[in-house]
Amino acid sequence: MRFVKVIFSTVIVLLGIVFIIENLDVLKHAVRLKLDLYFITFQSPDIHLWILVLFTFFLGVGTASLYGLYELYQQRRTIRQLRHNLEILAKELKQAGASAQASAASSEPQIVPRSE
């Protein structure tokens, strides 16, 4: 499965690079990002659009990876909890089986041979 993930990731990155190379003329335009919060204004220097596209692409990849890691953590925690519950139930089953055998052995009528 990892092999498929590596191939898929490589294809996605290559498609992004091909997109940038094919549209380099359009993506070479400079843009300026601005954030106006009424009392303070933030403004970036001129950035080429292709850099912004690459940044947002890798930001999306990073966000998806973090979500995947969180899901993996949740699954491992659930598996650990279920294994713990399974161990507890196995111990209870052994105890119930042992007590059932003990009670069955004590409640069986003893056959006493007749003395003639």
N, C-alpha and C. Protein backbone atom coordinates (compact mmCIF):
# COMPACT_ATOMS: atom_id res chain seq x y z
N MET A 1 0.83 -1.19 0.00
CA MET A 1 0.00 0.00 0.00
C MET A 1 0.87 1.26 0.00
N ARG A 2 1.99 1.21 0.71
CA ARG A 2 2.87 2.38 0.73
C ARG A 2 3.42 2.68 -0.66
N PHE A 3 3.68 1.63 -1.40
CA PHE A 3 4.21 1.79 -2.75
C PHE A 3 3.21 2.57 -3.61
N VAL A 4 1.93 2.25 -3.46
CA VAL A 4 0.89 2.95 -4.21
C VAL A 4 0.81 4.41 -3.76
N LYS A 5 0.94 4.65 -2.47
CA LYS A 5 0.90 6.03 -1.96
C LYS A 5 2.06 6.86 -2.50
N VAL A 6 3.24 6.26 -2.56
CA VAL A 6 4.41 6.97 -3.07
C VAL A 6 4.22 7.29 -4.55
N ILE A 7 3.73 6.34 -5.30
CA ILE A 7 3.51 6.58 -6.73
C ILE A 7 2.45 7.67 -6.92
N PHE A 8 1.36 7.59 -6.17
CA PHE A 8 0.29 8.59 -6.28
C PHE A 8 0.80 9.98 -5.90
N SER A 9 1.56 10.08 -4.83
CA SER A 9 2.12 11.37 -4.41
C SER A 9 3.06 11.93 -5.48
N THR A 10 3.88 11.07 -6.05
CA THR A 10 4.82 11.51 -7.08
C THR A 10 4.08 12.02 -8.30
N VAL A 11 3.02 11.32 -8.70
CA VAL A 11 2.24 11.76 -9.85
C VAL A 11 1.59 13.11 -9.58
N ILE A 12 1.07 13.32 -8.38
CA ILE A 12 0.43 14.60 -8.04
C ILE A 12 1.45 15.74 -8.10
N VAL A 13 2.64 15.51 -7.54
CA VAL A 13 3.68 16.55 -7.56
C VAL A 13 4.11 16.83 -8.99
N LEU A 14 4.27 15.79 -9.78
CA LEU A 14 4.66 15.99 -11.18
C LEU A 14 3.59 16.75 -11.95
N LEU A 15 2.33 16.46 -11.69
CA LEU A 15 1.25 17.22 -12.35
C LEU A 15 1.29 18.69 -11.95
N GLY A 16 1.59 18.97 -10.69
CA GLY A 16 1.72 20.37 -10.25
C GLY A 16 2.87 21.07 -10.95
N ILE A 17 3.99 20.38 -11.08
CA ILE A 17 5.15 20.98 -11.76
C ILE A 17 4.85 21.21 -13.24
N VAL A 18 4.20 20.23 -13.89
CA VAL A 18 3.83 20.39 -15.30
C VAL A 18 2.86 21.56 -15.47
N PHE A 19 1.92 21.69 -14.55
CA PHE A 19 0.98 22.82 -14.60
C PHE A 19 1.73 24.15 -14.55
N ILE A 20 2.69 24.24 -13.65
CA ILE A 20 3.45 25.49 -13.53
C ILE A 20 4.28 25.74 -14.77
N ILE A 21 4.92 24.72 -15.31
CA ILE A 21 5.76 24.91 -16.50
C ILE A 21 4.91 25.31 -17.70
N GLU A 22 3.75 24.67 -17.87
CA GLU A 22 2.89 24.98 -19.01
C GLU A 22 2.29 26.38 -18.92
N ASN A 23 2.06 26.88 -17.73
CA ASN A 23 1.42 28.19 -17.55
C ASN A 23 2.38 29.22 -16.97
N LEU A 24 3.65 29.08 -17.26
CA LEU A 24 4.66 29.94 -16.66
C LEU A 24 4.47 31.41 -17.03
N ASP A 25 4.03 31.67 -18.26
CA ASP A 25 3.82 33.07 -18.66
C ASP A 25 2.76 33.75 -17.80
N VAL A 26 1.68 33.05 -17.58
CA VAL A 26 0.60 33.62 -16.76
C VAL A 26 1.01 33.68 -15.29
N LEU A 27 1.72 32.66 -14.84
CA LEU A 27 2.06 32.57 -13.42
C LEU A 27 3.25 33.44 -13.03
N LYS A 28 3.90 34.11 -13.99
CA LYS A 28 5.02 34.99 -13.65
C LYS A 28 4.56 36.37 -13.20
N HIS A 29 3.28 36.66 -13.30
CA HIS A 29 2.77 37.95 -12.85
C HIS A 29 2.95 38.07 -11.34
N ALA A 30 3.31 39.25 -10.92
CA ALA A 30 3.51 39.48 -9.50
C ALA A 30 2.19 39.89 -8.85
N VAL A 31 1.96 39.37 -7.67
CA VAL A 31 0.77 39.73 -6.90
C VAL A 31 1.21 40.21 -5.53
N ARG A 32 0.35 40.99 -4.93
CA ARG A 32 0.62 41.49 -3.58
C ARG A 32 -0.57 41.13 -2.71
N LEU A 33 -0.31 40.45 -1.63
CA LEU A 33 -1.36 40.05 -0.69
C LEU A 33 -1.54 41.14 0.36
N LYS A 34 -2.79 41.42 0.69
CA LYS A 34 -3.08 42.50 1.63
C LYS A 34 -4.15 42.03 2.60
N LEU A 35 -3.94 42.32 3.89
CA LEU A 35 -4.90 42.00 4.94
C LEU A 35 -5.19 43.28 5.71
N ASP A 36 -6.44 43.73 5.63
CA ASP A 36 -6.84 44.97 6.28
C ASP A 36 -7.77 44.64 7.44
N LEU A 37 -7.32 44.92 8.67
CA LEU A 37 -8.10 44.64 9.86
C LEU A 37 -8.67 45.92 10.48
N TYR A 38 -8.87 46.96 9.70
CA TYR A 38 -9.41 48.26 10.08
C TYR A 38 -8.45 49.09 10.92
N PHE A 39 -7.80 48.50 11.88
CA PHE A 39 -6.87 49.26 12.71
C PHE A 39 -5.42 48.97 12.36
N ILE A 40 -5.16 47.91 11.62
CA ILE A 40 -3.81 47.59 11.19
C ILE A 40 -3.90 46.90 9.83
N THR A 41 -2.91 47.16 9.01
CA THR A 41 -2.90 46.59 7.66
C THR A 41 -1.59 45.84 7.44
N PHE A 42 -1.72 44.63 6.95
CA PHE A 42 -0.55 43.84 6.58
C PHE A 42 -0.51 43.74 5.06
N GLN A 43 0.71 43.89 4.52
CA GLN A 43 0.86 43.81 3.08
C GLN A 43 2.16 43.08 2.77
N SER A 44 2.08 42.15 1.84
CA SER A 44 3.26 41.37 1.48
C SER A 44 4.02 42.06 0.35
N PRO A 45 5.27 41.72 0.19
CA PRO A 45 5.98 42.22 -0.99
C PRO A 45 5.44 41.52 -2.24
N ASP A 46 5.85 41.97 -3.40
CA ASP A 46 5.40 41.34 -4.64
C ASP A 46 5.89 39.89 -4.69
N ILE A 47 4.96 38.99 -4.98
CA ILE A 47 5.25 37.56 -5.05
C ILE A 47 4.79 37.06 -6.42
N HIS A 48 5.61 36.24 -7.05
CA HIS A 48 5.17 35.64 -8.30
C HIS A 48 4.03 34.68 -8.00
N LEU A 49 3.10 34.61 -8.92
CA LEU A 49 1.91 33.79 -8.73
C LEU A 49 2.25 32.30 -8.64
N TRP A 50 3.28 31.84 -9.34
CA TRP A 50 3.64 30.43 -9.30
C TRP A 50 4.16 30.03 -7.92
N ILE A 51 4.81 30.96 -7.23
CA ILE A 51 5.25 30.67 -5.86
C ILE A 51 4.05 30.54 -4.93
N LEU A 52 3.07 31.40 -5.14
CA LEU A 52 1.84 31.34 -4.33
C LEU A 52 1.08 30.04 -4.58
N VAL A 53 1.03 29.60 -5.85
CA VAL A 53 0.36 28.35 -6.17
C VAL A 53 1.08 27.17 -5.52
N LEU A 54 2.40 27.14 -5.60
CA LEU A 54 3.17 26.07 -4.96
C LEU A 54 2.98 26.07 -3.45
N PHE A 55 2.99 27.26 -2.86
CA PHE A 55 2.81 27.37 -1.41
C PHE A 55 1.45 26.83 -0.98
N THR A 56 0.39 27.21 -1.69
CA THR A 56 -0.94 26.74 -1.31
C THR A 56 -1.08 25.24 -1.55
N PHE A 57 -0.43 24.73 -2.60
CA PHE A 57 -0.46 23.29 -2.86
C PHE A 57 0.17 22.53 -1.70
N PHE A 58 1.36 22.94 -1.29
CA PHE A 58 2.03 22.24 -0.20
C PHE A 58 1.36 22.49 1.14
N LEU A 59 0.71 23.63 1.30
CA LEU A 59 -0.07 23.88 2.50
C LEU A 59 -1.24 22.90 2.58
N GLY A 60 -1.89 22.64 1.44
CA GLY A 60 -2.97 21.66 1.40
C GLY A 60 -2.47 20.25 1.68
N VAL A 61 -1.32 19.90 1.11
CA VAL A 61 -0.74 18.58 1.35
C VAL A 61 -0.40 18.43 2.84
N GLY A 62 0.17 19.47 3.43
CA GLY A 62 0.52 19.42 4.85
C GLY A 62 -0.71 19.30 5.73
N THR A 63 -1.76 20.04 5.40
CA THR A 63 -2.99 19.97 6.18
C THR A 63 -3.62 18.58 6.09
N ALA A 64 -3.66 18.03 4.88
CA ALA A 64 -4.21 16.68 4.71
C ALA A 64 -3.37 15.65 5.46
N SER A 65 -2.06 15.83 5.46
CA SER A 65 -1.18 14.91 6.18
C SER A 65 -1.42 14.99 7.68
N LEU A 66 -1.59 16.19 8.20
CA LEU A 66 -1.87 16.33 9.63
C LEU A 66 -3.19 15.66 10.00
N TYR A 67 -4.19 15.82 9.15
CA TYR A 67 -5.47 15.16 9.40
C TYR A 67 -5.31 13.64 9.36
N GLY A 68 -4.53 13.15 8.41
CA GLY A 68 -4.27 11.72 8.32
C GLY A 68 -3.56 11.19 9.54
N LEU A 69 -2.59 11.95 10.05
CA LEU A 69 -1.87 11.54 11.26
C LEU A 69 -2.81 11.51 12.46
N TYR A 70 -3.72 12.49 12.53
CA TYR A 70 -4.69 12.52 13.63
C TYR A 70 -5.61 11.30 13.56
N GLU A 71 -6.07 10.96 12.37
CA GLU A 71 -6.91 9.77 12.21
C GLU A 71 -6.15 8.51 12.59
N LEU A 72 -4.89 8.42 12.21
CA LEU A 72 -4.07 7.27 12.55
C LEU A 72 -3.91 7.15 14.07
N TYR A 73 -3.70 8.28 14.73
CA TYR A 73 -3.59 8.29 16.19
C TYR A 73 -4.90 7.81 16.83
N GLN A 74 -6.03 8.29 16.32
CA GLN A 74 -7.33 7.88 16.86
C GLN A 74 -7.55 6.38 16.68
N GLN A 75 -7.18 5.85 15.51
CA GLN A 75 -7.36 4.43 15.25
C GLN A 75 -6.48 3.59 16.17
N ARG A 76 -5.24 4.00 16.36
CA ARG A 76 -4.34 3.25 17.24
C ARG A 76 -4.83 3.27 18.68
N ARG A 77 -5.36 4.41 19.10
CA ARG A 77 -5.90 4.50 20.46
C ARG A 77 -7.11 3.59 20.62
N THR A 78 -7.96 3.55 19.62
CA THR A 78 -9.13 2.68 19.67
C THR A 78 -8.71 1.21 19.68
N ILE A 79 -7.73 0.85 18.86
CA ILE A 79 -7.24 -0.53 18.83
C ILE A 79 -6.65 -0.91 20.18
N ARG A 80 -5.87 -0.01 20.78
CA ARG A 80 -5.28 -0.28 22.10
C ARG A 80 -6.38 -0.50 23.15
N GLN A 81 -7.42 0.33 23.10
CA GLN A 81 -8.50 0.21 24.06
C GLN A 81 -9.27 -1.10 23.85
N LEU A 82 -9.50 -1.47 22.59
CA LEU A 82 -10.22 -2.71 22.32
C LEU A 82 -9.40 -3.94 22.73
N ARG A 83 -8.09 -3.89 22.53
CA ARG A 83 -7.24 -5.00 22.97
C ARG A 83 -7.27 -5.14 24.49
N HIS A 84 -7.26 -4.00 25.18
CA HIS A 84 -7.33 -4.02 26.64
C HIS A 84 -8.66 -4.64 27.08
N ASN A 85 -9.75 -4.23 26.44
CA ASN A 85 -11.07 -4.80 26.77
C ASN A 85 -11.09 -6.30 26.48
N LEU A 86 -10.46 -6.72 25.40
CA LEU A 86 -10.40 -8.14 25.05
C LEU A 86 -9.64 -8.94 26.11
N GLU A 87 -8.55 -8.39 26.61
CA GLU A 87 -7.79 -9.06 27.67
C GLU A 87 -8.64 -9.21 28.93
N ILE A 88 -9.35 -8.15 29.28
CA ILE A 88 -10.22 -8.21 30.47
C ILE A 88 -11.30 -9.27 30.29
N LEU A 89 -11.92 -9.30 29.12
CA LEU A 89 -12.97 -10.28 28.87
C LEU A 89 -12.42 -11.70 28.85
N ALA A 90 -11.21 -11.88 28.35
CA ALA A 90 -10.60 -13.22 28.34
C ALA A 90 -10.34 -13.68 29.77
N LYS A 91 -9.87 -12.79 30.65
CA LYS A 91 -9.65 -13.15 32.05
C LYS A 91 -10.97 -13.52 32.73
N GLU A 92 -12.01 -12.72 32.46
CA GLU A 92 -13.32 -13.02 33.06
C GLU A 92 -13.86 -14.34 32.55
N LEU A 93 -13.62 -14.64 31.28
CA LEU A 93 -14.09 -15.91 30.72
C LEU A 93 -13.36 -17.09 31.35
N LYS A 94 -12.05 -16.93 31.58
CA LYS A 94 -11.30 -18.00 32.25
C LYS A 94 -11.81 -18.22 33.66
N GLN A 95 -12.06 -17.13 34.38
CA GLN A 95 -12.56 -17.24 35.75
C GLN A 95 -13.94 -17.88 35.78
N ALA A 96 -14.78 -17.50 34.83
CA ALA A 96 -16.13 -18.08 34.79
C ALA A 96 -16.06 -19.56 34.44
N GLY A 97 -15.16 -19.92 33.54
CA GLY A 97 -15.00 -21.33 33.17
C GLY A 97 -14.47 -22.15 34.34
N ALA A 98 -13.52 -21.59 35.07
CA ALA A 98 -12.95 -22.30 36.21
C ALA A 98 -13.99 -22.47 37.31
N SER A 99 -14.78 -21.44 37.57
CA SER A 99 -15.80 -21.54 38.62
C SER A 99 -16.93 -22.48 38.18
N ALA A 100 -17.23 -22.51 36.89
CA ALA A 100 -18.26 -23.43 36.40
C ALA A 100 -17.79 -24.87 36.53
N GLN A 101 -16.52 -25.12 36.24
CA GLN A 101 -15.99 -26.47 36.39
C GLN A 101 -15.99 -26.89 37.86
N ALA A 102 -15.62 -25.96 38.73
CA ALA A 102 -15.58 -26.27 40.16
C ALA A 102 -16.99 -26.56 40.68
N SER A 103 -17.95 -25.78 40.28
CA SER A 103 -19.32 -26.00 40.77
C SER A 103 -19.91 -27.27 40.16
N ALA A 104 -19.55 -27.56 38.90
CA ALA A 104 -20.05 -28.80 38.28
C ALA A 104 -19.44 -30.01 38.95
N ALA A 105 -18.18 -29.93 39.32
CA ALA A 105 -17.52 -31.06 39.98
C ALA A 105 -18.09 -31.29 41.37
N SER A 106 -18.42 -30.23 42.08
CA SER A 106 -18.93 -30.40 43.44
C SER A 106 -20.41 -30.80 43.45
N SER A 107 -21.14 -30.46 42.41
CA SER A 107 -22.56 -30.79 42.42
C SER A 107 -22.85 -32.14 41.78
N GLU A 108 -21.87 -32.78 41.17
CA GLU A 108 -22.08 -34.11 40.60
C GLU A 108 -22.26 -35.10 41.74
N PRO A 109 -23.26 -35.94 41.59
CA PRO A 109 -23.45 -36.96 42.65
C PRO A 109 -22.32 -37.98 42.59
N GLN A 110 -21.86 -38.33 43.75
CA GLN A 110 -20.80 -39.32 43.85
C GLN A 110 -21.42 -40.70 43.77
N ILE A 111 -20.88 -41.51 42.94
CA ILE A 111 -21.37 -42.88 42.83
C ILE A 111 -20.54 -43.74 43.80
N VAL A 112 -21.24 -44.24 44.72
CA VAL A 112 -20.59 -45.06 45.75
C VAL A 112 -20.88 -46.53 45.41
N PRO A 113 -19.88 -47.33 45.27
CA PRO A 113 -20.13 -48.73 44.96
C PRO A 113 -20.80 -49.42 46.16
N ARG A 114 -21.67 -50.35 45.84
CA ARG A 114 -22.38 -51.09 46.87
C ARG A 114 -21.47 -52.12 47.49
N SER A 115 -21.60 -52.20 48.71
CA SER A 115 -20.84 -53.28 49.35
C SER A 115 -21.79 -54.45 49.57
N GLU A 116 -21.39 -55.59 49.12
CA GLU A 116 -22.27 -56.75 49.20
C GLU A 116 -21.86 -57.67 50.26
